[in-house]
């Protein structure tokens, strides 16, 4: 059953619903989160960006459960390695989250993402800080309500899901317009949405129609909450561009001009798989 069928008309739209994710499960020693990819083009090159949302959510959820009496959790570092960038086999991806280490003020969690046949798609880790009660930004956030059929099908690109627009000019700049549907529970931009946009911007900076690249890894530092009351810009600059590998530096900036996150995106030229003997 697809998530589009689970979603009821009139429910608020969230990042999890935009990316067709089911509620997380608490299992014996780990947590699991599922993303519906039924109908996804297995050869699409930009789909790795959707994994940022899946990974950030399962990693944060896993640490959230270990916060004790602290009021909340903020992710400060997110690292992702994309093992299989295309050819995913549906109808679902499964992300399993585990606690690596926990201290009083925060911890580290890890995830491994597999497709429906068990192929390893990506791995990731996150550092999170536990926080005490702060300003409730989410109290005033009004999410859009889902009319029937408003949640994109799995075949829709990550760029279209977040409403991102690449602008003309020097360098590579991706603008994500104001959209309350992209907020987390605190009313600021979901960290996974930022990871998605960072992947798209970094990959676009180093790729061309004649020489496409696929995202191999991302390292993200989140400096401060990203408001959603205005445009958020993701600007990418090329650090290195080689025949088989390229690196881009991506900076996200809020409408107030303050830097919210900084990332390094590594991309690699697509390579044919190794043939195994019969």
C-alpha atoms as a PDB file:
ATOM      1  CA  UNK A   1       0.000   0.000   0.000  1.00  0.00           C
ATOM      2  CA  UNK A   2       1.429   3.372  -0.980  1.00  0.00           C
ATOM      3  CA  UNK A   3       1.684   6.303   1.391  1.00  0.00           C
ATOM      4  CA  UNK A   4      -0.573   8.281  -0.943  1.00  0.00           C
ATOM      5  CA  UNK A   5      -3.311   5.838  -0.005  1.00  0.00           C
ATOM      6  CA  UNK A   6      -2.573   6.151   3.707  1.00  0.00           C
ATOM      7  CA  UNK A   7      -2.754   9.943   3.702  1.00  0.00           C
ATOM      8  CA  UNK A   8      -6.210  11.267   4.474  1.00  0.00           C
ATOM      9  CA  UNK A   9      -7.578  14.331   2.759  1.00  0.00           C
ATOM     10  CA  UNK A  10      -7.406  17.298   5.137  1.00  0.00           C
ATOM     11  CA  UNK A  11      -4.243  16.166   6.986  1.00  0.00           C
ATOM     12  CA  UNK A  12      -1.323  18.639   7.242  1.00  0.00           C
ATOM     13  CA  UNK A  13       1.485  18.197   4.706  1.00  0.00           C
ATOM     14  CA  UNK A  14       4.859  17.426   6.318  1.00  0.00           C
ATOM     15  CA  UNK A  15       8.325  16.614   4.917  1.00  0.00           C
ATOM     16  CA  UNK A  16       7.670  12.971   5.778  1.00  0.00           C
ATOM     17  CA  UNK A  17       4.497  12.913   3.696  1.00  0.00           C
ATOM     18  CA  UNK A  18       6.065  14.839   0.822  1.00  0.00           C
ATOM     19  CA  UNK A  19       8.686  12.091   0.598  1.00  0.00           C
ATOM     20  CA  UNK A  20       6.197   9.252   1.133  1.00  0.00           C
ATOM     21  CA  UNK A  21       7.565   8.004   4.435  1.00  0.00           C
ATOM     22  CA  UNK A  22       5.655   5.929   6.944  1.00  0.00           C
ATOM     23  CA  UNK A  23       5.743   6.495  10.717  1.00  0.00           C
ATOM     24  CA  UNK A  24       8.912   5.089  12.360  1.00  0.00           C
ATOM     25  CA  UNK A  25       8.905   1.727  14.106  1.00  0.00           C
ATOM     26  CA  UNK A  26      10.637   0.914  17.384  1.00  0.00           C
ATOM     27  CA  UNK A  27      12.044  -2.607  17.143  1.00  0.00           C
ATOM     28  CA  UNK A  28      14.385  -4.745  19.242  1.00  0.00           C
ATOM     29  CA  UNK A  29      17.629  -2.757  19.461  1.00  0.00           C
ATOM     30  CA  UNK A  30      16.984  -0.480  16.490  1.00  0.00           C
ATOM     31  CA  UNK A  31      14.408   1.736  14.812  1.00  0.00           C
ATOM     32  CA  UNK A  32      13.110   1.465  11.258  1.00  0.00           C
ATOM     33  CA  UNK A  33      11.730   4.003   8.809  1.00  0.00           C
ATOM     34  CA  UNK A  34      10.258   3.145   5.402  1.00  0.00           C
ATOM     35  CA  UNK A  35      10.073   5.239   2.216  1.00  0.00           C
ATOM     36  CA  UNK A  36       7.752   4.301  -0.643  1.00  0.00           C
ATOM     37  CA  UNK A  37       9.595   4.257  -4.007  1.00  0.00           C
ATOM     38  CA  UNK A  38       7.020   2.269  -5.995  1.00  0.00           C
ATOM     39  CA  UNK A  39       7.072   3.664  -9.539  1.00  0.00           C
ATOM     40  CA  UNK A  40      10.490   5.311  -9.230  1.00  0.00           C
ATOM     41  CA  UNK A  41      12.668   5.250 -12.351  1.00  0.00           C
ATOM     42  CA  UNK A  42      15.475   2.868 -11.276  1.00  0.00           C
ATOM     43  CA  UNK A  43      17.966   4.718 -13.483  1.00  0.00           C
ATOM     44  CA  UNK A  44      17.126   8.259 -12.346  1.00  0.00           C
ATOM     45  CA  UNK A  45      20.334  10.074 -11.428  1.00  0.00           C
ATOM     46  CA  UNK A  46      19.054  12.698  -8.967  1.00  0.00           C
ATOM     47  CA  UNK A  47      17.098  10.454  -6.613  1.00  0.00           C
ATOM     48  CA  UNK A  48      19.899  10.236  -4.025  1.00  0.00           C
ATOM     49  CA  UNK A  49      18.760  13.649  -2.769  1.00  0.00           C
ATOM     50  CA  UNK A  50      15.629  12.053  -1.311  1.00  0.00           C
ATOM     51  CA  UNK A  51      17.820   9.901   0.949  1.00  0.00           C
ATOM     52  CA  UNK A  52      18.819  12.999   2.908  1.00  0.00           C
ATOM     53  CA  UNK A  53      15.276  13.269   4.240  1.00  0.00           C
ATOM     54  CA  UNK A  54      15.045   9.569   5.071  1.00  0.00           C
ATOM     55  CA  UNK A  55      18.454   9.447   6.774  1.00  0.00           C
ATOM     56  CA  UNK A  56      18.044  12.658   8.761  1.00  0.00           C
ATOM     57  CA  UNK A  57      14.666  11.515  10.043  1.00  0.00           C
ATOM     58  CA  UNK A  58      15.717   8.049  11.212  1.00  0.00           C
ATOM     59  CA  UNK A  59      18.964   9.332  12.750  1.00  0.00           C
ATOM     60  CA  UNK A  60      17.197  12.098  14.642  1.00  0.00           C
ATOM     61  CA  UNK A  61      14.369   9.825  15.771  1.00  0.00           C
ATOM     62  CA  UNK A  62      16.871   7.293  17.103  1.00  0.00           C
ATOM     63  CA  UNK A  63      18.668   9.892  19.243  1.00  0.00           C
ATOM     64  CA  UNK A  64      15.406  11.550  20.288  1.00  0.00           C
ATOM     65  CA  UNK A  65      14.433   8.386  22.148  1.00  0.00           C
ATOM     66  CA  UNK A  66      17.620   8.665  24.254  1.00  0.00           C
ATOM     67  CA  UNK A  67      17.320  12.302  25.314  1.00  0.00           C
ATOM     68  CA  UNK A  68      16.090  11.437  28.824  1.00  0.00           C
ATOM     69  CA  UNK A  69      14.545  14.454  30.549  1.00  0.00           C
ATOM     70  CA  UNK A  70      15.861  16.930  27.994  1.00  0.00           C
ATOM     71  CA  UNK A  71      13.213  18.749  25.987  1.00  0.00           C
ATOM     72  CA  UNK A  72      14.501  18.182  22.471  1.00  0.00           C
ATOM     73  CA  UNK A  73      17.251  17.416  19.993  1.00  0.00           C
ATOM     74  CA  UNK A  74      19.052  19.364  17.267  1.00  0.00           C
ATOM     75  CA  UNK A  75      21.297  17.762  14.652  1.00  0.00           C
ATOM     76  CA  UNK A  76      24.695  19.441  14.314  1.00  0.00           C
ATOM     77  CA  UNK A  77      26.514  17.103  11.902  1.00  0.00           C
ATOM     78  CA  UNK A  78      25.151  14.789   9.203  1.00  0.00           C
ATOM     79  CA  UNK A  79      27.328  12.466   7.108  1.00  0.00           C
ATOM     80  CA  UNK A  80      26.026  10.311   4.254  1.00  0.00           C
ATOM     81  CA  UNK A  81      27.731   7.859   1.898  1.00  0.00           C
ATOM     82  CA  UNK A  82      25.779   6.684  -1.135  1.00  0.00           C
ATOM     83  CA  UNK A  83      26.792   3.122  -1.956  1.00  0.00           C
ATOM     84  CA  UNK A  84      24.235   2.448  -4.706  1.00  0.00           C
ATOM     85  CA  UNK A  85      23.130   5.631  -6.451  1.00  0.00           C
ATOM     86  CA  UNK A  86      20.740   4.065  -8.978  1.00  0.00           C
ATOM     87  CA  UNK A  87      18.971   0.807  -9.735  1.00  0.00           C
ATOM     88  CA  UNK A  88      17.040   0.686  -6.467  1.00  0.00           C
ATOM     89  CA  UNK A  89      14.457  -2.094  -6.314  1.00  0.00           C
ATOM     90  CA  UNK A  90      11.126  -1.240  -4.706  1.00  0.00           C
ATOM     91  CA  UNK A  91       8.512  -0.957  -3.616  1.00  0.00           C
ATOM     92  CA  UNK A  92      10.260   0.443  -0.513  1.00  0.00           C
ATOM     93  CA  UNK A  93      13.512   1.581   1.028  1.00  0.00           C
ATOM     94  CA  UNK A  94      14.165   0.625   4.653  1.00  0.00           C
ATOM     95  CA  UNK A  95      16.351   2.736   6.951  1.00  0.00           C
ATOM     96  CA  UNK A  96      17.492   1.187  10.232  1.00  0.00           C
ATOM     97  CA  UNK A  97      18.757   3.484  12.971  1.00  0.00           C
ATOM     98  CA  UNK A  98      20.987   2.529  15.889  1.00  0.00           C
ATOM     99  CA  UNK A  99      22.553   4.432  18.771  1.00  0.00           C
ATOM    100  CA  UNK A 100      26.352   4.579  18.601  1.00  0.00           C
ATOM    101  CA  UNK A 101      27.039   6.630  21.738  1.00  0.00           C
ATOM    102  CA  UNK A 102      25.061   8.803  24.146  1.00  0.00           C
ATOM    103  CA  UNK A 103      26.225  11.335  26.737  1.00  0.00           C
ATOM    104  CA  UNK A 104      24.309  13.805  28.866  1.00  0.00           C
ATOM    105  CA  UNK A 105      24.300  16.551  26.247  1.00  0.00           C
ATOM    106  CA  UNK A 106      23.998  14.559  23.038  1.00  0.00           C
ATOM    107  CA  UNK A 107      24.994  11.526  21.074  1.00  0.00           C
ATOM    108  CA  UNK A 108      25.749   9.805  17.793  1.00  0.00           C
ATOM    109  CA  UNK A 109      23.460   7.566  15.752  1.00  0.00           C
ATOM    110  CA  UNK A 110      24.034   5.530  12.600  1.00  0.00           C
ATOM    111  CA  UNK A 111      21.858   4.205   9.802  1.00  0.00           C
ATOM    112  CA  UNK A 112      22.012   1.748   6.934  1.00  0.00           C
ATOM    113  CA  UNK A 113      19.488   2.052   4.104  1.00  0.00           C
ATOM    114  CA  UNK A 114      18.521  -0.977   1.985  1.00  0.00           C
ATOM    115  CA  UNK A 115      16.103  -1.523  -0.878  1.00  0.00           C
ATOM    116  CA  UNK A 116      13.400  -4.200  -0.906  1.00  0.00           C
ATOM    117  CA  UNK A 117      15.830  -6.923  -2.006  1.00  0.00           C
ATOM    118  CA  UNK A 118      18.361  -6.106   0.705  1.00  0.00           C
ATOM    119  CA  UNK A 119      20.844  -4.205  -1.470  1.00  0.00           C
ATOM    120  CA  UNK A 120      22.768  -1.621   0.550  1.00  0.00           C
ATOM    121  CA  UNK A 121      21.885   1.848  -0.764  1.00  0.00           C
ATOM    122  CA  UNK A 122      23.505   4.235   1.718  1.00  0.00           C
ATOM    123  CA  UNK A 123      25.007   4.596   5.184  1.00  0.00           C
ATOM    124  CA  UNK A 124      25.042   7.594   7.474  1.00  0.00           C
ATOM    125  CA  UNK A 125      25.803   9.033  10.898  1.00  0.00           C
ATOM    126  CA  UNK A 126      24.551  12.055  12.807  1.00  0.00           C
ATOM    127  CA  UNK A 127      25.740  13.985  15.836  1.00  0.00           C
ATOM    128  CA  UNK A 128      22.937  15.544  17.845  1.00  0.00           C
ATOM    129  CA  UNK A 129      22.761  17.879  20.833  1.00  0.00           C
ATOM    130  CA  UNK A 130      20.055  17.549  23.466  1.00  0.00           C
ATOM    131  CA  UNK A 131      18.466  20.894  24.283  1.00  0.00           C
ATOM    132  CA  UNK A 132      16.271  22.273  27.017  1.00  0.00           C
ATOM    133  CA  UNK A 133      13.019  24.114  26.458  1.00  0.00           C
ATOM    134  CA  UNK A 134      13.466  27.033  24.079  1.00  0.00           C
ATOM    135  CA  UNK A 135      11.267  29.273  21.966  1.00  0.00           C
ATOM    136  CA  UNK A 136       8.455  27.297  20.371  1.00  0.00           C
ATOM    137  CA  UNK A 137       8.793  28.320  16.744  1.00  0.00           C
ATOM    138  CA  UNK A 138       6.319  25.653  15.725  1.00  0.00           C
ATOM    139  CA  UNK A 139       3.416  27.195  17.599  1.00  0.00           C
ATOM    140  CA  UNK A 140       2.852  29.744  14.870  1.00  0.00           C
ATOM    141  CA  UNK A 141       3.673  27.520  11.913  1.00  0.00           C
ATOM    142  CA  UNK A 142       0.586  26.777   9.850  1.00  0.00           C
ATOM    143  CA  UNK A 143       1.105  23.802   7.571  1.00  0.00           C
ATOM    144  CA  UNK A 144      -0.815  23.512   4.306  1.00  0.00           C
ATOM    145  CA  UNK A 145      -3.661  21.014   4.317  1.00  0.00           C
ATOM    146  CA  UNK A 146      -3.543  18.084   1.931  1.00  0.00           C
ATOM    147  CA  UNK A 147      -6.270  18.008  -0.709  1.00  0.00           C
ATOM    148  CA  UNK A 148      -6.918  14.647  -2.320  1.00  0.00           C
ATOM    149  CA  UNK A 149      -4.003  13.515  -4.507  1.00  0.00           C
ATOM    150  CA  UNK A 150      -1.686  16.311  -3.361  1.00  0.00           C
ATOM    151  CA  UNK A 151       1.200  14.083  -2.256  1.00  0.00           C
ATOM    152  CA  UNK A 152       3.608  13.544  -5.189  1.00  0.00           C
ATOM    153  CA  UNK A 153       3.994  10.088  -6.665  1.00  0.00           C
ATOM    154  CA  UNK A 154       7.305   8.286  -6.146  1.00  0.00           C
ATOM    155  CA  UNK A 155       8.355   9.137  -9.707  1.00  0.00           C
ATOM    156  CA  UNK A 156       8.382  12.888  -8.947  1.00  0.00           C
ATOM    157  CA  UNK A 157      11.899  14.320  -8.598  1.00  0.00           C
ATOM    158  CA  UNK A 158      13.248  15.565  -5.244  1.00  0.00           C
ATOM    159  CA  UNK A 159      13.679  19.033  -6.786  1.00  0.00           C
ATOM    160  CA  UNK A 160       9.962  19.217  -7.564  1.00  0.00           C
ATOM    161  CA  UNK A 161       9.016  17.918  -4.111  1.00  0.00           C
ATOM    162  CA  UNK A 162      10.761  20.793  -2.328  1.00  0.00           C
ATOM    163  CA  UNK A 163       9.732  23.373  -4.925  1.00  0.00           C
ATOM    164  CA  UNK A 164      13.361  24.264  -5.629  1.00  0.00           C
ATOM    165  CA  UNK A 165      14.375  26.565  -8.478  1.00  0.00           C
ATOM    166  CA  UNK A 166      17.825  26.912 -10.011  1.00  0.00           C
ATOM    167  CA  UNK A 167      18.550  30.563 -10.807  1.00  0.00           C
ATOM    168  CA  UNK A 168      20.612  31.939 -13.674  1.00  0.00           C
ATOM    169  CA  UNK A 169      23.865  33.786 -13.085  1.00  0.00           C
ATOM    170  CA  UNK A 170      27.391  33.103 -11.952  1.00  0.00           C
ATOM    171  CA  UNK A 171      27.866  29.826 -10.127  1.00  0.00           C
ATOM    172  CA  UNK A 172      25.161  27.398  -9.046  1.00  0.00           C
ATOM    173  CA  UNK A 173      22.351  28.682  -6.862  1.00  0.00           C
ATOM    174  CA  UNK A 174      19.266  26.732  -5.789  1.00  0.00           C
ATOM    175  CA  UNK A 175      16.438  28.706  -4.184  1.00  0.00           C
ATOM    176  CA  UNK A 176      13.793  27.007  -2.044  1.00  0.00           C
ATOM    177  CA  UNK A 177      10.842  29.405  -1.641  1.00  0.00           C
ATOM    178  CA  UNK A 178       8.884  29.869   1.555  1.00  0.00           C
ATOM    179  CA  UNK A 179       6.892  26.698   2.223  1.00  0.00           C
ATOM    180  CA  UNK A 180       5.518  25.692   5.657  1.00  0.00           C
ATOM    181  CA  UNK A 181       5.272  22.079   4.451  1.00  0.00           C
ATOM    182  CA  UNK A 182       9.084  21.875   4.671  1.00  0.00           C
ATOM    183  CA  UNK A 183       9.197  22.661   8.397  1.00  0.00           C
ATOM    184  CA  UNK A 184      10.030  20.335  11.256  1.00  0.00           C
ATOM    185  CA  UNK A 185       8.127  20.311  14.542  1.00  0.00           C
ATOM    186  CA  UNK A 186       9.972  23.446  15.676  1.00  0.00           C
ATOM    187  CA  UNK A 187       8.713  25.400  12.684  1.00  0.00           C
ATOM    188  CA  UNK A 188      12.100  25.735  10.933  1.00  0.00           C
ATOM    189  CA  UNK A 189      13.332  23.964   7.804  1.00  0.00           C
ATOM    190  CA  UNK A 190      13.688  20.213   8.291  1.00  0.00           C
ATOM    191  CA  UNK A 191      17.345  19.137   8.298  1.00  0.00           C
ATOM    192  CA  UNK A 192      16.618  16.435   5.746  1.00  0.00           C
ATOM    193  CA  UNK A 193      15.084  18.984   3.379  1.00  0.00           C
ATOM    194  CA  UNK A 194      18.309  20.973   3.651  1.00  0.00           C
ATOM    195  CA  UNK A 195      20.319  17.813   2.950  1.00  0.00           C
ATOM    196  CA  UNK A 196      18.167  17.183  -0.119  1.00  0.00           C
ATOM    197  CA  UNK A 197      18.775  20.708  -1.443  1.00  0.00           C
ATOM    198  CA  UNK A 198      22.508  20.500  -0.663  1.00  0.00           C
ATOM    199  CA  UNK A 199      22.784  17.270  -2.666  1.00  0.00           C
ATOM    200  CA  UNK A 200      20.948  18.830  -5.624  1.00  0.00           C
ATOM    201  CA  UNK A 201      23.025  22.027  -5.599  1.00  0.00           C
ATOM    202  CA  UNK A 202      26.370  20.296  -5.137  1.00  0.00           C
ATOM    203  CA  UNK A 203      25.690  17.760  -7.862  1.00  0.00           C
ATOM    204  CA  UNK A 204      24.456  20.423 -10.293  1.00  0.00           C
ATOM    205  CA  UNK A 205      27.638  22.437  -9.789  1.00  0.00           C
ATOM    206  CA  UNK A 206      29.937  19.644 -10.966  1.00  0.00           C
ATOM    207  CA  UNK A 207      27.719  17.856 -13.507  1.00  0.00           C
ATOM    208  CA  UNK A 208      26.925  18.589 -17.133  1.00  0.00           C
ATOM    209  CA  UNK A 209      24.733  16.845 -19.724  1.00  0.00           C
ATOM    210  CA  UNK A 210      27.854  15.463 -21.416  1.00  0.00           C
ATOM    211  CA  UNK A 211      29.585  14.493 -18.174  1.00  0.00           C
ATOM    212  CA  UNK A 212      27.011  13.548 -15.524  1.00  0.00           C
ATOM    213  CA  UNK A 213      28.088  12.875 -11.960  1.00  0.00           C
ATOM    214  CA  UNK A 214      26.401  10.980  -9.155  1.00  0.00           C
ATOM    215  CA  UNK A 215      26.575  12.070  -5.542  1.00  0.00           C
ATOM    216  CA  UNK A 216      28.896   9.790  -3.568  1.00  0.00           C
ATOM    217  CA  UNK A 217      28.959  11.472  -0.149  1.00  0.00           C
ATOM    218  CA  UNK A 218      27.909  14.525   1.847  1.00  0.00           C
ATOM    219  CA  UNK A 219      29.247  16.071   5.046  1.00  0.00           C
ATOM    220  CA  UNK A 220      26.970  18.730   6.521  1.00  0.00           C
ATOM    221  CA  UNK A 221      27.404  21.055   9.516  1.00  0.00           C
ATOM    222  CA  UNK A 222      24.241  22.774  10.722  1.00  0.00           C
ATOM    223  CA  UNK A 223      25.058  26.102  12.384  1.00  0.00           C
ATOM    224  CA  UNK A 224      21.642  27.517  13.251  1.00  0.00           C
ATOM    225  CA  UNK A 225      17.920  26.954  12.590  1.00  0.00           C
ATOM    226  CA  UNK A 226      16.826  27.824   9.054  1.00  0.00           C
ATOM    227  CA  UNK A 227      13.670  29.989   9.006  1.00  0.00           C
ATOM    228  CA  UNK A 228      11.012  29.164   6.416  1.00  0.00           C
ATOM    229  CA  UNK A 229       9.389  32.604   6.355  1.00  0.00           C
ATOM    230  CA  UNK A 230      11.413  33.510   3.248  1.00  0.00           C
ATOM    231  CA  UNK A 231      13.579  32.075   0.489  1.00  0.00           C
ATOM    232  CA  UNK A 232      16.467  29.803   1.477  1.00  0.00           C
ATOM    233  CA  UNK A 233      19.433  29.839  -0.918  1.00  0.00           C
ATOM    234  CA  UNK A 234      21.867  26.983  -1.487  1.00  0.00           C
ATOM    235  CA  UNK A 235      24.995  28.208  -3.259  1.00  0.00           C
ATOM    236  CA  UNK A 236      27.555  25.740  -4.610  1.00  0.00           C
ATOM    237  CA  UNK A 237      31.129  26.355  -5.697  1.00  0.00           C
ATOM    238  CA  UNK A 238      33.487  23.844  -7.266  1.00  0.00           C
ATOM    239  CA  UNK A 239      36.474  22.899  -5.115  1.00  0.00           C
ATOM    240  CA  UNK A 240      37.876  20.219  -7.415  1.00  0.00           C
ATOM    241  CA  UNK A 241      36.788  18.855 -10.791  1.00  0.00           C
ATOM    242  CA  UNK A 242      38.536  15.764 -12.131  1.00  0.00           C
ATOM    243  CA  UNK A 243      37.742  13.074 -14.663  1.00  0.00           C
ATOM    244  CA  UNK A 244      36.350  10.595 -12.153  1.00  0.00           C
ATOM    245  CA  UNK A 245      35.644  12.694  -9.058  1.00  0.00           C
ATOM    246  CA  UNK A 246      34.534  16.220  -8.230  1.00  0.00           C
ATOM    247  CA  UNK A 247      33.972  18.123  -4.989  1.00  0.00           C
ATOM    248  CA  UNK A 248      31.651  21.053  -4.333  1.00  0.00           C
ATOM    249  CA  UNK A 249      31.214  23.286  -1.305  1.00  0.00           C
ATOM    250  CA  UNK A 250      27.600  24.239  -0.557  1.00  0.00           C
ATOM    251  CA  UNK A 251      26.411  27.031   1.747  1.00  0.00           C
ATOM    252  CA  UNK A 252      22.788  27.529   2.782  1.00  0.00           C
ATOM    253  CA  UNK A 253      21.662  31.043   3.644  1.00  0.00           C
ATOM    254  CA  UNK A 254      18.396  32.242   5.141  1.00  0.00           C
ATOM    255  CA  UNK A 255      16.383  35.235   3.986  1.00  0.00           C
ATOM    256  CA  UNK A 256      18.177  37.342   6.621  1.00  0.00           C
ATOM    257  CA  UNK A 257      21.536  36.646   4.954  1.00  0.00           C
ATOM    258  CA  UNK A 258      22.883  34.484   7.769  1.00  0.00           C
ATOM    259  CA  UNK A 259      24.627  31.213   6.957  1.00  0.00           C
ATOM    260  CA  UNK A 260      22.634  28.258   8.303  1.00  0.00           C
ATOM    261  CA  UNK A 261      24.625  25.249   7.087  1.00  0.00           C
ATOM    262  CA  UNK A 262      27.862  24.395   5.354  1.00  0.00           C
ATOM    263  CA  UNK A 263      28.525  21.197   3.425  1.00  0.00           C
ATOM    264  CA  UNK A 264      30.991  19.313   1.270  1.00  0.00           C
ATOM    265  CA  UNK A 265      29.517  17.209  -1.540  1.00  0.00           C
ATOM    266  CA  UNK A 266      31.640  14.614  -3.348  1.00  0.00           C
ATOM    267  CA  UNK A 267      30.453  13.282  -6.704  1.00  0.00           C
ATOM    268  CA  UNK A 268      31.797  10.494  -8.898  1.00  0.00           C
ATOM    269  CA  UNK A 269      31.475   9.525 -12.534  1.00  0.00           C
ATOM    270  CA  UNK A 270      29.027   6.621 -13.038  1.00  0.00           C
ATOM    271  CA  UNK A 271      30.856   3.312 -13.313  1.00  0.00           C
ATOM    272  CA  UNK A 272      29.735  -0.020 -14.711  1.00  0.00           C
ATOM    273  CA  UNK A 273      29.250  -2.780 -12.117  1.00  0.00           C
ATOM    274  CA  UNK A 274      31.721  -5.635 -11.931  1.00  0.00           C
ATOM    275  CA  UNK A 275      30.484  -8.705 -13.780  1.00  0.00           C
ATOM    276  CA  UNK A 276      30.362 -11.832 -11.662  1.00  0.00           C
ATOM    277  CA  UNK A 277      31.051 -15.255 -13.203  1.00  0.00           C
ATOM    278  CA  UNK A 278      28.130 -17.621 -13.625  1.00  0.00           C
END
